[in-house]
Full PDB file with SEQRES, HELIX, SHEET, SSBOND, CRYST1, ORIGX, SCALE, CONECT and MASTER records, all heavy atoms in Angstrom:
SEQRES   1 A   30  LEU ILE VAL ALA LEU LEU GLY VAL LEU LEU GLY LEU ALA          
SEQRES   2 A   30  GLY VAL VAL ARG VAL HIS GLN LEU GLY VAL ALA THR GLN          
SEQRES   3 A   30  ILE GLU VAL LEU                                              
HELIX    1 AA1 ILE A    2  VAL A   29  1                                  28    
CRYST1    1.000    1.000    1.000  90.00  90.00  90.00 P 1           1          
ORIGX1      1.000000  0.000000  0.000000        0.00000                         
ORIGX2      0.000000  1.000000  0.000000        0.00000                         
ORIGX3      0.000000  0.000000  1.000000        0.00000                         
SCALE1      1.000000  0.000000  0.000000        0.00000                         
SCALE2      0.000000  1.000000  0.000000        0.00000                         
SCALE3      0.000000  0.000000  1.000000        0.00000                         
ATOM      1  N   LEU A   1      92.295 149.961  80.803  1.00  0.00           N  
ATOM      2  CA  LEU A   1      91.988 150.591  82.082  1.00  0.00           C  
ATOM      3  C   LEU A   1      90.703 151.407  81.984  1.00  0.00           C  
ATOM      4  O   LEU A   1      89.847 151.353  82.883  1.00  0.00           O  
ATOM      5  CB  LEU A   1      93.150 151.473  82.532  1.00  0.00           C  
ATOM      6  CG  LEU A   1      92.966 152.202  83.869  1.00  0.00           C  
ATOM      7  CD1 LEU A   1      92.848 151.194  84.996  1.00  0.00           C  
ATOM      8  CD2 LEU A   1      94.111 153.149  84.120  1.00  0.00           C  
ATOM      9  N   ILE A   2      90.545 152.154  80.897  1.00  0.00           N  
ATOM     10  CA  ILE A   2      89.337 152.962  80.718  1.00  0.00           C  
ATOM     11  C   ILE A   2      88.099 152.072  80.615  1.00  0.00           C  
ATOM     12  O   ILE A   2      87.069 152.350  81.238  1.00  0.00           O  
ATOM     13  CB  ILE A   2      89.483 153.875  79.475  1.00  0.00           C  
ATOM     14  CG1 ILE A   2      90.524 154.955  79.758  1.00  0.00           C  
ATOM     15  CG2 ILE A   2      88.149 154.497  79.097  1.00  0.00           C  
ATOM     16  CD1 ILE A   2      90.921 155.754  78.537  1.00  0.00           C  
ATOM     17  N   VAL A   3      88.190 150.986  79.874  1.00  0.00           N  
ATOM     18  CA  VAL A   3      87.054 150.066  79.742  1.00  0.00           C  
ATOM     19  C   VAL A   3      86.723 149.432  81.095  1.00  0.00           C  
ATOM     20  O   VAL A   3      85.550 149.303  81.467  1.00  0.00           O  
ATOM     21  CB  VAL A   3      87.353 148.991  78.671  1.00  0.00           C  
ATOM     22  CG1 VAL A   3      86.317 147.886  78.703  1.00  0.00           C  
ATOM     23  CG2 VAL A   3      87.407 149.627  77.295  1.00  0.00           C  
ATOM     24  N   ALA A   4      87.735 149.064  81.855  1.00  0.00           N  
ATOM     25  CA  ALA A   4      87.501 148.480  83.178  1.00  0.00           C  
ATOM     26  C   ALA A   4      86.843 149.488  84.117  1.00  0.00           C  
ATOM     27  O   ALA A   4      85.913 149.142  84.867  1.00  0.00           O  
ATOM     28  CB  ALA A   4      88.821 147.989  83.767  1.00  0.00           C  
ATOM     29  N   LEU A   5      87.293 150.733  84.085  1.00  0.00           N  
ATOM     30  CA  LEU A   5      86.694 151.766  84.940  1.00  0.00           C  
ATOM     31  C   LEU A   5      85.242 152.032  84.546  1.00  0.00           C  
ATOM     32  O   LEU A   5      84.382 152.223  85.417  1.00  0.00           O  
ATOM     33  CB  LEU A   5      87.513 153.059  84.881  1.00  0.00           C  
ATOM     34  CG  LEU A   5      88.862 153.024  85.595  1.00  0.00           C  
ATOM     35  CD1 LEU A   5      89.634 154.314  85.334  1.00  0.00           C  
ATOM     36  CD2 LEU A   5      88.677 152.792  87.080  1.00  0.00           C  
ATOM     37  N   LEU A   6      84.954 152.040  83.247  1.00  0.00           N  
ATOM     38  CA  LEU A   6      83.566 152.207  82.807  1.00  0.00           C  
ATOM     39  C   LEU A   6      82.688 151.055  83.302  1.00  0.00           C  
ATOM     40  O   LEU A   6      81.553 151.271  83.724  1.00  0.00           O  
ATOM     41  CB  LEU A   6      83.502 152.313  81.279  1.00  0.00           C  
ATOM     42  CG  LEU A   6      83.932 153.629  80.678  1.00  0.00           C  
ATOM     43  CD1 LEU A   6      83.969 153.533  79.157  1.00  0.00           C  
ATOM     44  CD2 LEU A   6      83.011 154.744  81.117  1.00  0.00           C  
ATOM     45  N   GLY A   7      83.230 149.865  83.265  1.00  0.00           N  
ATOM     46  CA  GLY A   7      82.482 148.713  83.780  1.00  0.00           C  
ATOM     47  C   GLY A   7      82.195 148.833  85.267  1.00  0.00           C  
ATOM     48  O   GLY A   7      81.090 148.542  85.724  1.00  0.00           O  
ATOM     49  N   VAL A   8      83.179 149.274  86.026  1.00  0.00           N  
ATOM     50  CA  VAL A   8      82.993 149.468  87.471  1.00  0.00           C  
ATOM     51  C   VAL A   8      81.943 150.540  87.734  1.00  0.00           C  
ATOM     52  O   VAL A   8      81.061 150.381  88.592  1.00  0.00           O  
ATOM     53  CB  VAL A   8      84.332 149.803  88.153  1.00  0.00           C  
ATOM     54  CG1 VAL A   8      84.113 150.279  89.578  1.00  0.00           C  
ATOM     55  CG2 VAL A   8      85.247 148.602  88.131  1.00  0.00           C  
ATOM     56  N   LEU A   9      82.029 151.652  86.993  1.00  0.00           N  
ATOM     57  CA  LEU A   9      81.058 152.734  87.192  1.00  0.00           C  
ATOM     58  C   LEU A   9      79.639 152.282  86.834  1.00  0.00           C  
ATOM     59  O   LEU A   9      78.684 152.609  87.551  1.00  0.00           O  
ATOM     60  CB  LEU A   9      81.455 153.961  86.370  1.00  0.00           C  
ATOM     61  CG  LEU A   9      82.697 154.706  86.850  1.00  0.00           C  
ATOM     62  CD1 LEU A   9      83.051 155.836  85.884  1.00  0.00           C  
ATOM     63  CD2 LEU A   9      82.482 155.247  88.248  1.00  0.00           C  
ATOM     64  N   LEU A  10      79.495 151.552  85.743  1.00  0.00           N  
ATOM     65  CA  LEU A  10      78.162 151.054  85.383  1.00  0.00           C  
ATOM     66  C   LEU A  10      77.637 150.072  86.428  1.00  0.00           C  
ATOM     67  O   LEU A  10      76.445 150.075  86.750  1.00  0.00           O  
ATOM     68  CB  LEU A  10      78.205 150.391  84.002  1.00  0.00           C  
ATOM     69  CG  LEU A  10      78.326 151.336  82.820  1.00  0.00           C  
ATOM     70  CD1 LEU A  10      78.489 150.557  81.531  1.00  0.00           C  
ATOM     71  CD2 LEU A  10      77.107 152.238  82.740  1.00  0.00           C  
ATOM     72  N   GLY A  11      78.524 149.248  86.954  1.00  0.00           N  
ATOM     73  CA  GLY A  11      78.112 148.327  88.010  1.00  0.00           C  
ATOM     74  C   GLY A  11      77.654 149.053  89.263  1.00  0.00           C  
ATOM     75  O   GLY A  11      76.629 148.711  89.858  1.00  0.00           O  
ATOM     76  N   LEU A  12      78.402 150.060  89.664  1.00  0.00           N  
ATOM     77  CA  LEU A  12      78.021 150.839  90.844  1.00  0.00           C  
ATOM     78  C   LEU A  12      76.704 151.583  90.617  1.00  0.00           C  
ATOM     79  O   LEU A  12      75.864 151.649  91.524  1.00  0.00           O  
ATOM     80  CB  LEU A  12      79.119 151.833  91.207  1.00  0.00           C  
ATOM     81  CG  LEU A  12      80.366 151.240  91.855  1.00  0.00           C  
ATOM     82  CD1 LEU A  12      81.438 152.303  92.041  1.00  0.00           C  
ATOM     83  CD2 LEU A  12      80.023 150.599  93.174  1.00  0.00           C  
ATOM     84  N   ALA A  13      76.523 152.123  89.416  1.00  0.00           N  
ATOM     85  CA  ALA A  13      75.269 152.816  89.112  1.00  0.00           C  
ATOM     86  C   ALA A  13      74.099 151.840  89.187  1.00  0.00           C  
ATOM     87  O   ALA A  13      73.025 152.173  89.690  1.00  0.00           O  
ATOM     88  CB  ALA A  13      75.345 153.462  87.733  1.00  0.00           C  
ATOM     89  N   GLY A  14      74.302 150.621  88.718  1.00  0.00           N  
ATOM     90  CA  GLY A  14      73.247 149.613  88.802  1.00  0.00           C  
ATOM     91  C   GLY A  14      72.915 149.246  90.240  1.00  0.00           C  
ATOM     92  O   GLY A  14      71.752 149.105  90.602  1.00  0.00           O  
ATOM     93  N   VAL A  15      73.938 149.106  91.066  1.00  0.00           N  
ATOM     94  CA  VAL A  15      73.710 148.768  92.478  1.00  0.00           C  
ATOM     95  C   VAL A  15      72.948 149.890  93.176  1.00  0.00           C  
ATOM     96  O   VAL A  15      72.005 149.643  93.941  1.00  0.00           O  
ATOM     97  CB  VAL A  15      75.056 148.476  93.177  1.00  0.00           C  
ATOM     98  CG1 VAL A  15      74.893 148.423  94.687  1.00  0.00           C  
ATOM     99  CG2 VAL A  15      75.643 147.184  92.650  1.00  0.00           C  
ATOM    100  N   VAL A  16      73.333 151.125  92.917  1.00  0.00           N  
ATOM    101  CA  VAL A  16      72.653 152.273  93.533  1.00  0.00           C  
ATOM    102  C   VAL A  16      71.196 152.321  93.085  1.00  0.00           C  
ATOM    103  O   VAL A  16      70.291 152.544  93.897  1.00  0.00           O  
ATOM    104  CB  VAL A  16      73.387 153.589  93.196  1.00  0.00           C  
ATOM    105  CG1 VAL A  16      72.562 154.800  93.567  1.00  0.00           C  
ATOM    106  CG2 VAL A  16      74.731 153.621  93.903  1.00  0.00           C  
ATOM    107  N   ARG A  17      70.955 152.085  91.803  1.00  0.00           N  
ATOM    108  CA  ARG A  17      69.581 152.137  91.290  1.00  0.00           C  
ATOM    109  C   ARG A  17      68.723 151.034  91.914  1.00  0.00           C  
ATOM    110  O   ARG A  17      67.581 151.271  92.303  1.00  0.00           O  
ATOM    111  CB  ARG A  17      69.595 152.000  89.772  1.00  0.00           C  
ATOM    112  CG  ARG A  17      68.231 152.122  89.172  1.00  0.00           C  
ATOM    113  CD  ARG A  17      68.300 152.246  87.679  1.00  0.00           C  
ATOM    114  NE  ARG A  17      66.950 152.451  87.177  1.00  0.00           N  
ATOM    115  CZ  ARG A  17      66.451 151.816  86.143  1.00  0.00           C  
ATOM    116  NH1 ARG A  17      67.184 150.950  85.496  1.00  0.00           N  
ATOM    117  NH2 ARG A  17      65.226 152.050  85.753  1.00  0.00           N  
ATOM    118  N   VAL A  18      69.267 149.837  92.002  1.00  0.00           N  
ATOM    119  CA  VAL A  18      68.515 148.737  92.608  1.00  0.00           C  
ATOM    120  C   VAL A  18      68.223 149.041  94.073  1.00  0.00           C  
ATOM    121  O   VAL A  18      67.120 148.770  94.573  1.00  0.00           O  
ATOM    122  CB  VAL A  18      69.291 147.405  92.454  1.00  0.00           C  
ATOM    123  CG1 VAL A  18      68.703 146.319  93.325  1.00  0.00           C  
ATOM    124  CG2 VAL A  18      69.291 146.975  91.001  1.00  0.00           C  
ATOM    125  N   HIS A  19      69.184 149.637  94.772  1.00  0.00           N  
ATOM    126  CA  HIS A  19      68.970 149.993  96.173  1.00  0.00           C  
ATOM    127  C   HIS A  19      67.853 151.025  96.305  1.00  0.00           C  
ATOM    128  O   HIS A  19      66.973 150.891  97.163  1.00  0.00           O  
ATOM    129  CB  HIS A  19      70.269 150.529  96.774  1.00  0.00           C  
ATOM    130  CG  HIS A  19      70.118 151.056  98.161  1.00  0.00           C  
ATOM    131  ND1 HIS A  19      69.851 150.242  99.231  1.00  0.00           N  
ATOM    132  CD2 HIS A  19      70.161 152.314  98.655  1.00  0.00           C  
ATOM    133  CE1 HIS A  19      69.753 150.979 100.318  1.00  0.00           C  
ATOM    134  NE2 HIS A  19      69.933 152.246  99.991  1.00  0.00           N  
ATOM    135  N   GLN A  20      67.882 152.048  95.450  1.00  0.00           N  
ATOM    136  CA  GLN A  20      66.849 153.084  95.506  1.00  0.00           C  
ATOM    137  C   GLN A  20      65.470 152.505  95.188  1.00  0.00           C  
ATOM    138  O   GLN A  20      64.484 152.852  95.843  1.00  0.00           O  
ATOM    139  CB  GLN A  20      67.177 154.213  94.535  1.00  0.00           C  
ATOM    140  CG  GLN A  20      68.347 155.060  94.975  1.00  0.00           C  
ATOM    141  CD  GLN A  20      68.744 156.098  93.940  1.00  0.00           C  
ATOM    142  OE1 GLN A  20      68.345 156.011  92.783  1.00  0.00           O  
ATOM    143  NE2 GLN A  20      69.554 157.067  94.349  1.00  0.00           N  
ATOM    144  N   LEU A  21      65.389 151.628  94.208  1.00  0.00           N  
ATOM    145  CA  LEU A  21      64.104 151.012  93.874  1.00  0.00           C  
ATOM    146  C   LEU A  21      63.609 150.114  95.007  1.00  0.00           C  
ATOM    147  O   LEU A  21      62.407 150.048  95.285  1.00  0.00           O  
ATOM    148  CB  LEU A  21      64.214 150.217  92.569  1.00  0.00           C  
ATOM    149  CG  LEU A  21      64.354 151.050  91.306  1.00  0.00           C  
ATOM    150  CD1 LEU A  21      64.596 150.151  90.102  1.00  0.00           C  
ATOM    151  CD2 LEU A  21      63.127 151.905  91.091  1.00  0.00           C  
ATOM    152  N   GLY A  22      64.529 149.436  95.670  1.00  0.00           N  
ATOM    153  CA  GLY A  22      64.140 148.606  96.814  1.00  0.00           C  
ATOM    154  C   GLY A  22      63.591 149.447  97.955  1.00  0.00           C  
ATOM    155  O   GLY A  22      62.575 149.091  98.565  1.00  0.00           O  
ATOM    156  N   VAL A  23      64.231 150.557  98.233  1.00  0.00           N  
ATOM    157  CA  VAL A  23      63.750 151.450  99.294  1.00  0.00           C  
ATOM    158  C   VAL A  23      62.393 152.026  98.926  1.00  0.00           C  
ATOM    159  O   VAL A  23      61.478 152.076  99.759  1.00  0.00           O  
ATOM    160  CB  VAL A  23      64.783 152.578  99.562  1.00  0.00           C  
ATOM    161  CG1 VAL A  23      64.200 153.654 100.457  1.00  0.00           C  
ATOM    162  CG2 VAL A  23      66.043 151.991 100.177  1.00  0.00           C  
ATOM    163  N   ALA A  24      62.230 152.450  97.675  1.00  0.00           N  
ATOM    164  CA  ALA A  24      60.946 153.005  97.234  1.00  0.00           C  
ATOM    165  C   ALA A  24      59.839 151.968  97.327  1.00  0.00           C  
ATOM    166  O   ALA A  24      58.720 152.267  97.752  1.00  0.00           O  
ATOM    167  CB  ALA A  24      61.063 153.535  95.807  1.00  0.00           C  
ATOM    168  N   THR A  25      60.139 150.736  96.981  1.00  0.00           N  
ATOM    169  CA  THR A  25      59.146 149.667  97.070  1.00  0.00           C  
ATOM    170  C   THR A  25      58.754 149.410  98.522  1.00  0.00           C  
ATOM    171  O   THR A  25      57.568 149.228  98.835  1.00  0.00           O  
ATOM    172  CB  THR A  25      59.703 148.387  96.435  1.00  0.00           C  
ATOM    173  OG1 THR A  25      60.052 148.657  95.082  1.00  0.00           O  
ATOM    174  CG2 THR A  25      58.688 147.266  96.469  1.00  0.00           C  
ATOM    175  N   GLN A  26      59.722 149.383  99.405  1.00  0.00           N  
ATOM    176  CA  GLN A  26      59.422 149.172 100.818  1.00  0.00           C  
ATOM    177  C   GLN A  26      58.567 150.301 101.369  1.00  0.00           C  
ATOM    178  O   GLN A  26      57.642 150.062 102.160  1.00  0.00           O  
ATOM    179  CB  GLN A  26      60.712 149.053 101.625  1.00  0.00           C  
ATOM    180  CG  GLN A  26      61.450 147.766 101.383  1.00  0.00           C  
ATOM    181  CD  GLN A  26      62.756 147.682 102.151  1.00  0.00           C  
ATOM    182  OE1 GLN A  26      63.203 148.662 102.744  1.00  0.00           O  
ATOM    183  NE2 GLN A  26      63.370 146.526 102.139  1.00  0.00           N  
ATOM    184  N   ILE A  27      58.845 151.531 100.963  1.00  0.00           N  
ATOM    185  CA  ILE A  27      58.049 152.674 101.425  1.00  0.00           C  
ATOM    186  C   ILE A  27      56.606 152.538 100.939  1.00  0.00           C  
ATOM    187  O   ILE A  27      55.657 152.776 101.689  1.00  0.00           O  
ATOM    188  CB  ILE A  27      58.684 153.999 100.956  1.00  0.00           C  
ATOM    189  CG1 ILE A  27      59.993 154.233 101.720  1.00  0.00           C  
ATOM    190  CG2 ILE A  27      57.734 155.169 101.142  1.00  0.00           C  
ATOM    191  CD1 ILE A  27      60.806 155.390 101.180  1.00  0.00           C  
ATOM    192  N   GLU A  28      56.426 152.136  99.683  1.00  0.00           N  
ATOM    193  CA  GLU A  28      55.075 151.972  99.153  1.00  0.00           C  
ATOM    194  C   GLU A  28      54.336 150.840  99.853  1.00  0.00           C  
ATOM    195  O   GLU A  28      53.140 150.954 100.135  1.00  0.00           O  
ATOM    196  CB  GLU A  28      55.123 151.719  97.645  1.00  0.00           C  
ATOM    197  CG  GLU A  28      55.464 152.955  96.849  1.00  0.00           C  
ATOM    198  CD  GLU A  28      55.307 152.736  95.360  1.00  0.00           C  
ATOM    199  OE1 GLU A  28      54.488 151.878  94.967  1.00  0.00           O  
ATOM    200  OE2 GLU A  28      55.983 153.427  94.609  1.00  0.00           O  
ATOM    201  N   VAL A  29      55.029 149.753 100.135  1.00  0.00           N  
ATOM    202  CA  VAL A  29      54.396 148.631 100.840  1.00  0.00           C  
ATOM    203  C   VAL A  29      53.963 149.071 102.239  1.00  0.00           C  
ATOM    204  O   VAL A  29      52.858 148.735 102.690  1.00  0.00           O  
ATOM    205  CB  VAL A  29      55.349 147.417 100.900  1.00  0.00           C  
ATOM    206  CG1 VAL A  29      54.861 146.378 101.876  1.00  0.00           C  
ATOM    207  CG2 VAL A  29      55.506 146.817  99.516  1.00  0.00           C  
ATOM    208  N   LEU A  30      54.804 149.815 102.927  1.00  0.00           N  
ATOM    209  CA  LEU A  30      54.445 150.292 104.262  1.00  0.00           C  
ATOM    210  C   LEU A  30      53.260 151.256 104.208  1.00  0.00           C  
ATOM    211  O   LEU A  30      52.360 151.201 105.062  1.00  0.00           O  
ATOM    212  CB  LEU A  30      55.644 150.966 104.933  1.00  0.00           C  
ATOM    213  CG  LEU A  30      56.778 150.019 105.337  1.00  0.00           C  
ATOM    214  CD1 LEU A  30      57.980 150.817 105.823  1.00  0.00           C  
ATOM    215  CD2 LEU A  30      56.315 149.039 106.390  1.00  0.00           C  
TER     216      LEU A  30                                                      
MASTER        0    0    0    1    0    0    0    6  215    1    0    3          
END                                                                             
């Protein structure tokens, strides 16, 4: 259970980071 929760948290952190980088890139392009 602990390993599965760590995997979920790392996945969510990756999704958030990719989203933030996408927004930052769009702002720079604009």
